[in-house]
Amino acid sequence: MSATIDVVTTLGMNDACDPSFRICSTWETFSNSHDHWHAIYVNWSVYFGAGQVRLGLKLAAEAAANGARVQLRQIREALENADSG
């Protein structure tokens, strides 16, 4: 499985990455649901759900209001907490 990711510049999120990049995984390590792709043993997850995207944007806006950038671990923790709650 592979996909090309186009990064949308978002205030409060890390802008120190390439504007476009490719993610890939062997089929055996890939898992997915209706709103999430993940590869085990590889450090990437992609979220598609509207609520998940809203949560990431909310965290980025809060960070930007404080003159900071939201960290990936903060978004991942918030998404995991939202999934389990």
N, C-alpha and C. Protein backbone atom coordinates (compact mmCIF):
# COMPACT_ATOMS: atom_id res chain seq x y z
N MET A 1 0.85 -1.15 0.00
CA MET A 1 0.00 0.00 0.00
C MET A 1 0.90 1.21 0.00
N SER A 2 0.55 2.19 -0.80
CA SER A 2 1.28 3.45 -0.76
C SER A 2 0.33 4.59 -1.10
N ALA A 3 0.68 5.77 -0.61
CA ALA A 3 -0.12 6.97 -0.88
C ALA A 3 0.81 8.17 -0.87
N THR A 4 0.46 9.18 -1.63
CA THR A 4 1.18 10.44 -1.60
C THR A 4 0.40 11.41 -0.74
N ILE A 5 1.09 12.02 0.21
CA ILE A 5 0.48 12.96 1.14
C ILE A 5 0.87 14.37 0.72
N ASP A 6 -0.11 15.24 0.55
CA ASP A 6 0.13 16.66 0.29
C ASP A 6 -0.18 17.41 1.58
N VAL A 7 0.80 18.12 2.09
CA VAL A 7 0.67 18.83 3.36
C VAL A 7 -0.04 20.16 3.14
N VAL A 8 -1.07 20.41 3.95
CA VAL A 8 -1.77 21.69 3.93
C VAL A 8 -1.19 22.53 5.06
N THR A 9 -0.61 23.68 4.73
CA THR A 9 -0.03 24.55 5.73
C THR A 9 -1.12 24.99 6.71
N THR A 10 -0.88 24.78 7.99
CA THR A 10 -1.86 25.08 9.03
C THR A 10 -1.16 25.79 10.18
N LEU A 11 -1.62 26.99 10.52
CA LEU A 11 -1.05 27.76 11.61
C LEU A 11 -1.08 26.94 12.89
N GLY A 12 0.05 26.86 13.56
CA GLY A 12 0.15 26.11 14.81
C GLY A 12 0.64 24.68 14.63
N MET A 13 0.77 24.24 13.38
CA MET A 13 1.32 22.90 13.13
C MET A 13 2.73 23.04 12.59
N ASN A 14 3.49 21.97 12.69
CA ASN A 14 4.87 21.97 12.23
C ASN A 14 4.91 22.16 10.71
N ASP A 15 5.61 23.18 10.28
CA ASP A 15 5.73 23.42 8.84
C ASP A 15 7.13 23.09 8.33
N ALA A 16 7.89 22.32 9.11
CA ALA A 16 9.27 22.00 8.74
C ALA A 16 9.37 20.68 7.98
N CYS A 17 8.32 20.32 7.26
CA CYS A 17 8.39 19.08 6.49
C CYS A 17 8.20 19.40 5.01
N ASP A 18 8.46 18.40 4.19
CA ASP A 18 8.27 18.57 2.75
C ASP A 18 6.79 18.82 2.45
N PRO A 19 6.49 19.58 1.41
CA PRO A 19 5.08 19.85 1.07
C PRO A 19 4.33 18.64 0.55
N SER A 20 5.07 17.61 0.14
CA SER A 20 4.47 16.39 -0.37
C SER A 20 5.43 15.23 -0.09
N PHE A 21 4.90 14.10 0.36
CA PHE A 21 5.75 12.95 0.59
C PHE A 21 4.93 11.67 0.44
N ARG A 22 5.62 10.56 0.35
CA ARG A 22 4.98 9.27 0.13
C ARG A 22 5.06 8.43 1.40
N ILE A 23 3.96 7.77 1.74
CA ILE A 23 3.96 6.77 2.80
C ILE A 23 3.70 5.42 2.15
N CYS A 24 4.26 4.36 2.74
CA CYS A 24 4.02 3.04 2.19
C CYS A 24 4.17 1.98 3.27
N SER A 25 3.63 0.82 2.97
CA SER A 25 3.67 -0.29 3.91
C SER A 25 3.43 -1.57 3.13
N THR A 26 3.99 -2.66 3.62
CA THR A 26 3.61 -3.95 3.05
C THR A 26 2.20 -4.26 3.53
N TRP A 27 1.50 -5.05 2.78
CA TRP A 27 0.12 -5.36 3.13
C TRP A 27 0.02 -6.03 4.51
N GLU A 28 1.01 -6.83 4.86
CA GLU A 28 1.00 -7.56 6.14
C GLU A 28 1.11 -6.64 7.36
N THR A 29 1.69 -5.46 7.20
CA THR A 29 1.85 -4.55 8.33
C THR A 29 0.84 -3.41 8.32
N PHE A 30 -0.03 -3.37 7.33
CA PHE A 30 -1.01 -2.29 7.16
C PHE A 30 -2.33 -2.65 7.82
N SER A 31 -2.92 -1.69 8.53
CA SER A 31 -4.27 -1.87 9.06
C SER A 31 -5.07 -0.61 8.77
N ASN A 32 -6.38 -0.76 8.69
CA ASN A 32 -7.20 0.40 8.39
C ASN A 32 -8.61 0.22 8.95
N SER A 33 -9.28 1.35 9.07
CA SER A 33 -10.70 1.39 9.41
C SER A 33 -11.32 2.47 8.53
N HIS A 34 -12.57 2.81 8.77
CA HIS A 34 -13.23 3.80 7.93
C HIS A 34 -12.60 5.20 8.03
N ASP A 35 -11.85 5.48 9.10
CA ASP A 35 -11.31 6.83 9.27
C ASP A 35 -9.84 6.86 9.69
N HIS A 36 -9.11 5.74 9.52
CA HIS A 36 -7.75 5.68 10.03
C HIS A 36 -6.94 4.63 9.26
N TRP A 37 -5.73 4.99 8.87
CA TRP A 37 -4.74 4.04 8.32
C TRP A 37 -3.58 4.00 9.27
N HIS A 38 -2.98 2.82 9.43
CA HIS A 38 -1.84 2.67 10.32
C HIS A 38 -0.95 1.53 9.82
N ALA A 39 0.35 1.68 10.03
CA ALA A 39 1.29 0.60 9.69
C ALA A 39 2.04 0.21 10.95
N ILE A 40 1.93 -1.07 11.34
CA ILE A 40 2.68 -1.51 12.51
C ILE A 40 4.15 -1.61 12.13
N TYR A 41 5.01 -1.42 13.10
CA TYR A 41 6.47 -1.41 12.94
C TYR A 41 6.97 -0.22 12.15
N VAL A 42 6.09 0.66 11.72
CA VAL A 42 6.47 1.87 10.99
C VAL A 42 5.78 3.03 11.71
N ASN A 43 6.45 4.14 11.83
CA ASN A 43 5.91 5.24 12.63
C ASN A 43 5.04 6.18 11.80
N TRP A 44 3.88 5.67 11.32
CA TRP A 44 2.93 6.58 10.69
C TRP A 44 1.50 6.12 10.90
N SER A 45 0.63 7.10 11.03
CA SER A 45 -0.81 6.91 11.10
C SER A 45 -1.44 8.06 10.33
N VAL A 46 -2.54 7.79 9.63
CA VAL A 46 -3.26 8.82 8.89
C VAL A 46 -4.71 8.75 9.34
N TYR A 47 -5.26 9.90 9.74
CA TYR A 47 -6.64 9.99 10.21
C TYR A 47 -7.48 10.75 9.20
N PHE A 48 -8.67 10.22 8.89
CA PHE A 48 -9.55 10.82 7.89
C PHE A 48 -10.86 11.33 8.47
N GLY A 49 -11.21 10.94 9.67
CA GLY A 49 -12.50 11.29 10.24
C GLY A 49 -12.62 12.79 10.49
N ALA A 50 -13.77 13.35 10.20
CA ALA A 50 -13.98 14.79 10.37
C ALA A 50 -13.74 15.22 11.81
N GLY A 51 -14.20 14.44 12.77
CA GLY A 51 -13.98 14.77 14.18
C GLY A 51 -12.51 14.75 14.54
N GLN A 52 -11.79 13.81 13.98
CA GLN A 52 -10.35 13.71 14.25
C GLN A 52 -9.60 14.89 13.65
N VAL A 53 -9.98 15.27 12.45
CA VAL A 53 -9.35 16.43 11.81
C VAL A 53 -9.67 17.70 12.61
N ARG A 54 -10.92 17.84 13.04
CA ARG A 54 -11.31 19.01 13.86
C ARG A 54 -10.48 19.07 15.14
N LEU A 55 -10.26 17.93 15.78
CA LEU A 55 -9.47 17.90 17.01
C LEU A 55 -8.04 18.37 16.74
N GLY A 56 -7.43 17.88 15.67
CA GLY A 56 -6.08 18.32 15.32
C GLY A 56 -6.02 19.81 15.04
N LEU A 57 -7.01 20.34 14.32
CA LEU A 57 -7.05 21.77 14.03
C LEU A 57 -7.27 22.59 15.30
N LYS A 58 -8.08 22.09 16.21
CA LYS A 58 -8.31 22.78 17.49
C LYS A 58 -7.02 22.87 18.29
N LEU A 59 -6.29 21.76 18.37
CA LEU A 59 -5.02 21.76 19.10
C LEU A 59 -4.01 22.70 18.45
N ALA A 60 -3.98 22.73 17.12
CA ALA A 60 -3.07 23.63 16.41
C ALA A 60 -3.44 25.09 16.67
N ALA A 61 -4.73 25.41 16.65
CA ALA A 61 -5.17 26.79 16.91
C ALA A 61 -4.81 27.22 18.33
N GLU A 62 -5.00 26.32 19.30
CA GLU A 62 -4.63 26.63 20.68
C GLU A 62 -3.13 26.87 20.81
N ALA A 63 -2.34 26.05 20.14
CA ALA A 63 -0.88 26.23 20.19
C ALA A 63 -0.50 27.56 19.54
N ALA A 64 -1.08 27.86 18.38
CA ALA A 64 -0.76 29.12 17.67
C ALA A 64 -1.14 30.33 18.52
N ALA A 65 -2.25 30.25 19.24
CA ALA A 65 -2.68 31.36 20.11
C ALA A 65 -1.67 31.61 21.22
N ASN A 66 -0.91 30.57 21.57
CA ASN A 66 0.12 30.69 22.61
C ASN A 66 1.52 30.89 22.00
N GLY A 67 1.57 31.13 20.69
CA GLY A 67 2.84 31.36 20.02
C GLY A 67 3.69 30.10 19.88
N ALA A 68 3.03 28.96 19.87
CA ALA A 68 3.76 27.68 19.79
C ALA A 68 3.22 26.84 18.63
N ARG A 69 3.74 25.64 18.53
CA ARG A 69 3.25 24.66 17.56
C ARG A 69 2.85 23.41 18.32
N VAL A 70 1.76 22.81 17.91
CA VAL A 70 1.33 21.56 18.52
C VAL A 70 2.32 20.47 18.12
N GLN A 71 2.61 19.58 19.04
CA GLN A 71 3.52 18.47 18.79
C GLN A 71 2.74 17.25 18.33
N LEU A 72 3.35 16.45 17.48
CA LEU A 72 2.70 15.25 16.97
C LEU A 72 2.24 14.35 18.11
N ARG A 73 3.06 14.20 19.15
CA ARG A 73 2.66 13.33 20.27
C ARG A 73 1.41 13.85 20.96
N GLN A 74 1.23 15.18 21.02
CA GLN A 74 0.03 15.75 21.62
C GLN A 74 -1.20 15.39 20.81
N ILE A 75 -1.10 15.48 19.50
CA ILE A 75 -2.23 15.13 18.63
C ILE A 75 -2.52 13.64 18.75
N ARG A 76 -1.48 12.82 18.70
CA ARG A 76 -1.67 11.37 18.79
C ARG A 76 -2.32 10.99 20.12
N GLU A 77 -1.86 11.57 21.23
CA GLU A 77 -2.46 11.28 22.54
C GLU A 77 -3.93 11.70 22.57
N ALA A 78 -4.23 12.88 22.04
CA ALA A 78 -5.62 13.36 22.03
C ALA A 78 -6.51 12.44 21.19
N LEU A 79 -6.00 12.00 20.05
CA LEU A 79 -6.77 11.10 19.20
C LEU A 79 -6.99 9.75 19.87
N GLU A 80 -5.97 9.23 20.51
CA GLU A 80 -6.11 7.95 21.22
C GLU A 80 -7.10 8.06 22.37
N ASN A 81 -7.04 9.18 23.10
CA ASN A 81 -7.99 9.40 24.20
C ASN A 81 -9.41 9.54 23.68
N ALA A 82 -9.58 10.22 22.55
CA ALA A 82 -10.91 10.37 21.96
C ALA A 82 -11.46 9.04 21.49
N ASP A 83 -10.58 8.18 20.94
CA ASP A 83 -11.00 6.85 20.47
C ASP A 83 -11.42 5.94 21.62
N SER A 84 -10.72 6.08 22.76
CA SER A 84 -11.01 5.19 23.89
C SER A 84 -12.14 5.72 24.77
N GLY A 85 -12.49 6.99 24.61
CA GLY A 85 -13.50 7.59 25.47
C GLY A 85 -14.79 7.63 24.81
